[in-house]
Protein backbone atom coordinates (compact mmCIF):
# COMPACT_ATOMS: atom_id res chain seq x y z
CA MET A 1 -20.08 2.26 12.03
CA SER A 2 -19.80 1.53 15.72
CA GLY A 3 -17.56 3.94 17.58
CA GLN A 4 -16.18 0.98 19.52
CA ARG A 5 -14.32 -0.34 16.48
CA ARG A 6 -10.63 0.49 16.27
CA GLY A 7 -7.79 -0.67 14.10
CA PHE A 8 -6.98 -2.10 10.68
CA VAL A 9 -7.25 -5.43 8.89
CA CYS A 10 -4.34 -5.72 6.43
CA GLY A 11 -5.38 -8.22 3.79
CA GLY A 12 -3.88 -9.54 0.59
CA SER A 13 -0.26 -9.21 -0.42
CA TRP A 14 2.43 -10.59 1.90
CA ALA A 15 5.79 -11.14 0.22
CA LEU A 16 9.49 -11.25 0.97
CA ASP A 17 11.56 -8.45 -0.57
CA ARG A 18 15.06 -9.56 -1.56
CA ILE A 19 16.81 -6.22 -1.91
CA LYS A 20 19.92 -5.67 -4.00
CA ILE A 21 21.66 -2.29 -4.22
CA VAL A 22 23.32 -1.82 -7.63
CA ASP A 23 25.77 0.85 -8.77
CA HIS A 24 23.76 1.61 -11.91
CA TRP A 25 20.94 0.20 -14.04
CA PRO A 26 22.53 -1.69 -16.94
CA VAL A 27 21.33 -2.06 -20.50
CA GLU A 28 20.49 -5.61 -21.59
CA GLU A 29 23.40 -8.06 -21.64
CA LYS A 30 25.62 -5.68 -19.63
CA LEU A 31 26.78 -5.95 -16.03
CA ALA A 32 26.00 -3.91 -12.94
CA ARG A 33 27.77 -4.34 -9.61
CA ILE A 34 25.78 -5.32 -6.50
CA THR A 35 27.04 -3.14 -3.66
CA GLY A 36 24.72 -4.32 -0.91
CA THR A 37 21.98 -6.81 -0.09
CA ASP A 38 19.19 -7.07 2.44
CA GLN A 39 15.84 -8.74 2.94
CA GLN A 40 12.65 -7.41 4.43
CA GLY A 41 8.98 -8.07 4.42
CA GLY A 42 7.07 -6.65 1.48
CA GLY A 43 3.66 -6.48 -0.09
CA SER A 44 0.97 -3.94 0.70
CA ALA A 45 -0.52 -5.77 3.68
CA HIS A 46 2.86 -6.33 5.34
CA ASN A 47 4.20 -2.83 4.71
CA PHE A 48 1.04 -1.04 5.76
CA GLY A 49 0.56 -3.22 8.85
CA VAL A 50 4.12 -2.81 10.14
CA ASP A 51 4.10 0.93 9.39
CA MET A 52 0.84 1.31 11.29
CA ARG A 53 2.20 -0.49 14.36
CA LYS A 54 5.31 1.71 14.22
CA LEU A 55 3.21 4.87 13.95
CA ASP A 56 1.12 3.81 16.95
CA PRO A 57 1.99 0.64 18.91
CA THR A 58 -1.48 0.75 20.51
CA MET A 59 -3.29 0.51 17.16
CA PRO A 60 -4.80 -2.98 16.60
CA VAL A 61 -3.72 -4.57 13.32
CA ASP A 62 -4.98 -7.94 12.02
CA ALA A 63 -3.26 -9.79 9.18
CA ILE A 64 -4.96 -11.80 6.44
CA GLY A 65 -2.81 -13.49 3.83
CA LEU A 66 -1.26 -16.73 2.64
CA LEU A 67 2.36 -17.74 3.24
CA GLY A 68 4.33 -20.78 2.21
CA ASP A 69 5.45 -23.41 4.70
CA ASP A 70 9.06 -22.35 4.18
CA PRO A 71 11.77 -20.09 5.70
CA ASP A 72 10.49 -17.02 3.83
CA GLY A 73 7.05 -17.64 5.29
CA ASP A 74 8.60 -18.05 8.74
CA PHE A 75 10.38 -14.72 8.33
CA LEU A 76 7.18 -12.85 7.45
CA TYR A 77 5.10 -14.59 10.11
CA ASP A 78 7.67 -13.89 12.82
CA ARG A 79 8.06 -10.28 11.68
CA ALA A 80 4.33 -9.69 11.97
CA ALA A 81 4.20 -11.27 15.42
CA GLU A 82 7.21 -9.28 16.64
CA VAL A 83 5.52 -5.94 15.97
CA GLY A 84 2.24 -7.03 17.53
CA ILE A 85 0.15 -7.83 14.46
CA ASP A 86 -2.55 -10.47 15.04
CA THR A 87 -1.46 -13.43 12.88
CA THR A 88 -4.55 -15.60 13.41
CA GLN A 89 -5.47 -15.38 9.72
CA LEU A 90 -1.94 -15.35 8.31
CA HIS A 91 -2.46 -18.78 6.74
CA ARG A 92 0.26 -21.24 5.71
CA THR A 93 0.40 -23.77 2.85
CA GLY A 94 2.85 -26.28 1.43
CA ASP A 95 1.40 -26.00 -2.08
CA ALA A 96 3.60 -23.05 -3.18
CA VAL A 97 6.58 -21.05 -2.01
CA THR A 98 6.04 -17.74 -0.25
CA SER A 99 5.60 -14.86 -2.65
CA TYR A 100 8.82 -12.89 -3.15
CA THR A 101 10.13 -9.88 -5.05
CA ASP A 102 13.67 -9.12 -6.16
CA VAL A 103 13.98 -5.37 -5.58
CA MET A 104 16.82 -3.84 -7.59
CA THR A 105 17.67 -0.40 -6.17
CA VAL A 106 20.07 2.01 -7.88
CA ALA A 107 22.41 3.41 -5.23
CA ASP A 108 22.61 7.02 -6.42
CA SER A 109 18.95 7.67 -7.25
CA GLY A 110 17.14 5.27 -4.93
CA LYS A 111 14.93 4.25 -7.85
CA ARG A 112 13.89 0.63 -7.87
CA THR A 113 12.76 -2.07 -10.27
CA PHE A 114 10.80 -5.15 -9.21
CA PHE A 115 10.97 -8.76 -10.36
CA HIS A 116 8.04 -10.56 -8.72
CA HIS A 117 7.32 -14.26 -8.18
CA PRO A 118 3.69 -14.64 -7.03
CA GLY A 119 4.02 -18.00 -5.29
CA THR A 120 1.35 -18.24 -2.58
CA SER A 121 -0.25 -14.99 -3.74
CA ASP A 122 -1.69 -16.91 -6.69
CA LEU A 123 -3.43 -19.31 -4.29
CA LEU A 124 -5.10 -16.65 -2.13
CA THR A 125 -8.91 -16.65 -2.43
CA PRO A 126 -11.84 -14.91 -0.69
CA ASP A 127 -12.22 -18.05 1.43
CA HIS A 128 -9.10 -17.02 3.37
CA PHE A 129 -10.85 -13.85 4.61
CA ASP A 130 -13.04 -14.00 7.70
CA PHE A 131 -14.41 -10.76 9.17
CA THR A 132 -16.90 -12.26 11.59
CA SER A 133 -14.86 -11.75 14.75
CA THR A 134 -12.72 -8.69 14.02
CA THR A 135 -13.26 -5.49 15.99
CA CYS A 136 -11.14 -3.44 13.59
CA ARG A 137 -12.61 -0.48 11.73
CA ILE A 138 -10.87 -0.39 8.33
CA LEU A 139 -9.84 -3.05 5.82
CA HIS A 140 -6.72 -2.20 3.82
CA LEU A 141 -6.81 -4.54 0.79
CA GLY A 142 -4.35 -5.17 -2.06
CA LEU A 143 -2.68 -5.77 -4.43
CA LEU A 144 -5.06 -5.99 -7.37
CA GLY A 145 -3.56 -7.51 -10.50
CA ILE A 146 -0.90 -9.85 -9.11
CA HIS A 147 -3.03 -12.53 -7.40
CA ARG A 148 -4.28 -15.06 -9.96
CA ARG A 149 -7.33 -16.41 -8.12
CA MET A 150 -8.29 -13.10 -6.52
CA ASP A 151 -8.06 -11.38 -9.92
CA ALA A 152 -10.41 -13.92 -11.53
CA PRO A 153 -14.23 -14.03 -11.28
CA TRP A 154 -15.50 -15.46 -8.00
CA ALA A 155 -18.98 -16.53 -6.88
CA GLY A 156 -20.71 -14.40 -9.49
CA ASP A 157 -18.58 -11.33 -8.83
CA ALA A 158 -16.25 -9.72 -11.36
CA ASN A 159 -13.26 -10.79 -9.24
CA GLY A 160 -12.37 -12.02 -5.78
CA TRP A 161 -11.50 -8.52 -4.60
CA VAL A 162 -15.13 -7.51 -5.08
CA THR A 163 -16.25 -10.53 -3.05
CA VAL A 164 -13.91 -9.66 -0.18
CA LEU A 165 -14.95 -6.00 -0.21
CA LYS A 166 -18.62 -6.97 -0.11
CA HIS A 167 -18.03 -9.27 2.86
CA ALA A 168 -16.06 -6.59 4.68
CA LYS A 169 -18.80 -4.02 4.16
CA ALA A 170 -21.42 -6.49 5.36
CA ALA A 171 -19.35 -7.05 8.51
CA GLY A 172 -19.31 -3.32 9.25
CA LEU A 173 -15.82 -2.36 8.07
CA ASP A 174 -14.78 0.62 5.99
CA THR A 175 -12.57 -0.35 3.08
CA ASN A 176 -9.45 1.01 1.39
CA LEU A 177 -7.96 -0.29 -1.86
CA GLU A 178 -4.23 -0.57 -2.53
CA LEU A 179 -3.22 -0.77 -6.18
CA VAL A 180 0.03 -1.66 -7.93
CA SER A 181 1.65 -0.12 -11.00
CA ILE A 182 0.91 -2.79 -13.56
CA GLU A 183 -0.17 -2.28 -17.19
CA SER A 184 -2.85 0.42 -17.34
CA GLU A 185 -5.58 -1.46 -19.18
CA ARG A 186 -5.26 -4.46 -16.87
CA LEU A 187 -5.40 -2.31 -13.75
CA HIS A 188 -8.44 -0.46 -15.10
CA GLN A 189 -10.24 -3.73 -15.79
CA ILE A 190 -9.65 -5.20 -12.32
CA SER A 191 -10.15 -2.07 -10.23
CA ARG A 192 -13.32 -0.59 -11.71
CA PRO A 193 -15.74 -3.27 -10.39
CA CYS A 194 -14.32 -2.70 -6.89
CA LEU A 195 -15.08 1.01 -6.67
CA PRO A 196 -18.73 0.69 -5.49
CA TYR A 197 -17.49 -1.23 -2.43
CA ALA A 198 -14.52 0.97 -1.44
CA ASP A 199 -14.66 3.94 0.92
CA THR A 200 -11.18 5.31 0.21
CA LEU A 201 -8.58 4.95 -2.51
CA ILE A 202 -4.95 6.01 -2.11
CA ALA A 203 -2.97 5.63 -5.33
CA ASN A 204 0.05 6.96 -7.16
CA ASP A 205 -0.05 9.02 -10.35
CA HIS A 206 0.14 6.04 -12.73
CA GLU A 207 -2.48 4.04 -10.83
CA ILE A 208 -5.12 6.77 -10.62
CA GLY A 209 -4.60 7.51 -14.30
CA SER A 210 -5.16 3.84 -15.11
CA VAL A 211 -8.37 3.68 -13.09
CA ALA A 212 -9.75 6.87 -14.64
CA SER A 213 -8.33 6.36 -18.16
CA VAL A 214 -6.57 9.71 -17.92
CA ALA A 215 -2.95 10.22 -19.03
CA THR A 216 -1.53 11.50 -15.74
CA VAL A 217 2.13 10.92 -16.60
CA VAL A 218 3.25 12.71 -19.77
CA ASP A 219 6.76 12.27 -21.19
CA GLY A 220 7.83 10.69 -17.93
CA ARG A 221 6.61 13.57 -15.76
CA THR A 222 3.58 13.75 -13.49
CA ASP A 223 0.89 16.24 -14.54
CA PRO A 224 -0.79 17.39 -11.29
CA ASP A 225 -3.76 18.88 -13.16
CA ARG A 226 -4.48 15.54 -14.79
CA CYS A 227 -4.05 13.77 -11.45
CA ARG A 228 -6.69 16.09 -10.02
CA GLU A 229 -8.94 15.40 -13.00
CA ALA A 230 -8.50 11.65 -12.57
CA ALA A 231 -9.13 11.75 -8.82
CA LEU A 232 -12.35 13.72 -9.28
CA ALA A 233 -13.50 11.42 -12.08
CA VAL A 234 -13.00 8.31 -9.94
CA LEU A 235 -14.61 9.96 -6.93
CA GLY A 236 -17.63 10.89 -9.00
CA GLU A 237 -18.32 7.40 -10.32
CA GLY A 238 -18.22 5.22 -7.21
CA ALA A 239 -19.19 5.28 -3.56
CA LEU A 240 -15.77 6.56 -2.48
CA ARG A 241 -15.59 9.20 0.22
CA LEU A 242 -11.95 10.10 -0.40
CA VAL A 243 -9.41 9.71 -3.20
CA ALA A 244 -5.76 10.62 -2.57
CA VAL A 245 -3.08 10.69 -5.26
CA HIS A 246 0.61 10.84 -4.38
CA PHE A 247 3.61 11.46 -6.61
CA PRO A 248 7.23 12.47 -5.93
CA GLU A 249 6.53 16.20 -5.85
CA GLY A 250 3.34 16.17 -3.78
CA ALA A 251 -0.20 14.88 -3.39
CA ILE A 252 -3.81 15.73 -4.18
CA CYS A 253 -6.79 14.65 -2.10
CA ALA A 254 -10.44 14.97 -3.15
CA THR A 255 -13.38 14.27 -0.85
CA ARG A 256 -17.03 13.41 -1.39
CA ASP A 257 -18.16 16.81 -0.08
CA GLY A 258 -16.36 18.59 -2.92
CA GLU A 259 -13.15 19.66 -1.22
CA VAL A 260 -9.80 19.31 -3.03
CA PHE A 261 -6.54 19.62 -1.13
CA GLU A 262 -3.05 19.89 -2.62
CA SER A 263 0.27 19.70 -0.80
CA SER A 264 3.98 19.38 -1.50
CA SER A 265 6.13 16.47 -0.42
CA VAL A 266 8.60 16.80 2.44
CA ALA A 267 12.06 17.45 1.04
CA VAL A 268 14.65 14.82 1.95
CA PRO A 269 18.33 15.44 1.10
CA VAL A 270 19.50 13.11 -1.65
CA ASP A 271 22.36 11.79 0.47
CA GLU A 272 19.85 10.71 3.15
CA ILE A 273 17.68 8.66 0.79
CA GLY A 274 18.23 4.92 1.13
CA SER A 275 15.46 3.84 -1.24
CA THR A 276 12.02 4.87 -2.39
CA VAL A 277 10.69 1.33 -1.89
CA GLY A 278 7.80 1.35 0.58
CA ALA A 279 7.22 5.11 0.42
CA GLY A 280 3.76 4.68 -1.10
CA ASP A 281 2.73 2.27 1.65
CA ALA A 282 4.08 4.69 4.25
CA PHE A 283 2.07 7.53 2.70
CA ALA A 284 -1.07 5.38 2.85
CA ALA A 285 -0.41 4.39 6.46
CA GLY A 286 0.02 7.99 7.54
CA MET A 287 -3.04 9.11 5.62
CA LEU A 288 -5.32 6.38 6.91
CA TYR A 289 -4.06 6.69 10.48
CA ALA A 290 -5.17 10.31 10.46
CA VAL A 291 -8.50 9.46 8.78
CA HIS A 292 -9.06 6.74 11.39
CA GLU A 293 -8.43 9.27 14.16
CA GLY A 294 -10.72 11.88 12.62
CA TRP A 295 -8.02 14.45 11.83
CA PRO A 296 -8.65 17.21 9.25
CA ILE A 297 -7.67 16.18 5.73
CA ARG A 298 -4.93 18.78 5.44
CA ILE A 299 -3.28 17.43 8.60
CA ALA A 300 -3.77 13.88 7.34
CA MET A 301 -1.80 14.81 4.23
CA GLU A 302 0.96 16.26 6.39
CA LEU A 303 1.29 13.00 8.32
CA ALA A 304 1.17 11.04 5.06
CA HIS A 305 4.02 13.08 3.59
CA ALA A 306 5.99 12.98 6.85
CA THR A 307 5.68 9.19 7.11
CA ALA A 308 6.69 8.74 3.47
CA ALA A 309 9.70 11.03 3.97
CA MET A 310 10.76 9.07 7.03
CA SER A 311 10.54 5.80 5.09
CA LEU A 312 12.92 7.09 2.41
CA ARG A 313 15.82 6.95 4.86
CA SER A 314 15.95 3.15 4.79
CA ARG A 315 16.84 0.72 2.01
CA THR A 316 13.95 -1.48 3.15
CA THR A 317 10.19 -1.03 3.06
CA VAL A 318 9.60 -0.26 6.74
CA GLY A 319 13.05 0.11 8.29
CA SER A 320 13.00 3.81 9.17
CA VAL A 321 9.35 4.64 9.95
CA GLU A 322 8.92 6.00 13.49
CA ASP A 323 5.98 6.92 15.72
CA VAL A 324 3.45 9.58 14.72
CA ASP A 325 4.97 12.42 16.74
CA THR A 326 8.52 11.70 15.55
CA CYS A 327 7.39 11.61 11.91
CA LEU A 328 5.49 14.89 12.26
CA GLU A 329 8.27 16.65 14.14
CA SER A 330 10.93 15.55 11.64
CA ALA A 331 8.93 17.29 8.91
CA GLY A 332 8.14 20.42 10.95
CA PHE A 333 4.48 19.48 11.54
CA THR A 334 2.43 19.02 14.73
CA ARG A 335 -0.62 17.05 15.79
CA PRO A 336 -4.01 18.77 15.40
């Protein structure tokens, strides 16, 4: 790929997160008290793009997505523009409301549960993606499984994600897939046809297990050995150069040249955790920033963990992410 290319195209999921902090998670037909509310942009493309601009305000970021012609769409569009994301391909429509997610976050644990309304996400198609004029280097694409038209067959391809990945590769971009923790069989079905057209995959423990058909979470606990097994299995079957798996305790990264790296997460005091929402996107942003800049994989994992740890301090997806040096220093790391 041309050395003159720089930056990221963030394509796919743009949604509004309507955040509610609750005092506990109730059983059915019982009541929980809402102790706080907020709203923030959400979806993989939004979270990754804003995080990337916060990590490095000089990094070019292009948006591709579909918003409603409504106040939620205005909020997301304005948010992208405010942080310097190119909104040329952040399309608008009056045919559906902007995609939104009710994010229910338990105050004490920071754990969250999502209630998602797809809205405009269901109308997104490969026709909304144009790579002919971008000078960016990497496409960050997601979320597979929650976009009705993108998830369906398209132009002879298994799904629209495959079509977009093919077009991106033909235009000279590297590609990264962003998954979502839906039902395992469904995620396996949608993701597998995409693997020959992806260069990197950054996933959590459940997602990599779904792709590889390996039980990576046993009795509610992550099994790092099985995560490693799943990462290597996925790496061995596609054209991927790198597969990274993150989970609360740490991460594993396997590369095409046979190297496997393991690292622990950055410890964050419980009383400093606002929410875990957005931590996976922050990990991906840190990891891919370092990959983009040619850093060693072990240092890339440090930045990924540091960015994720920084994101935990906010109740919103991107509220507490800082620049690269601040993230690294807060975790006791340094640039290469």
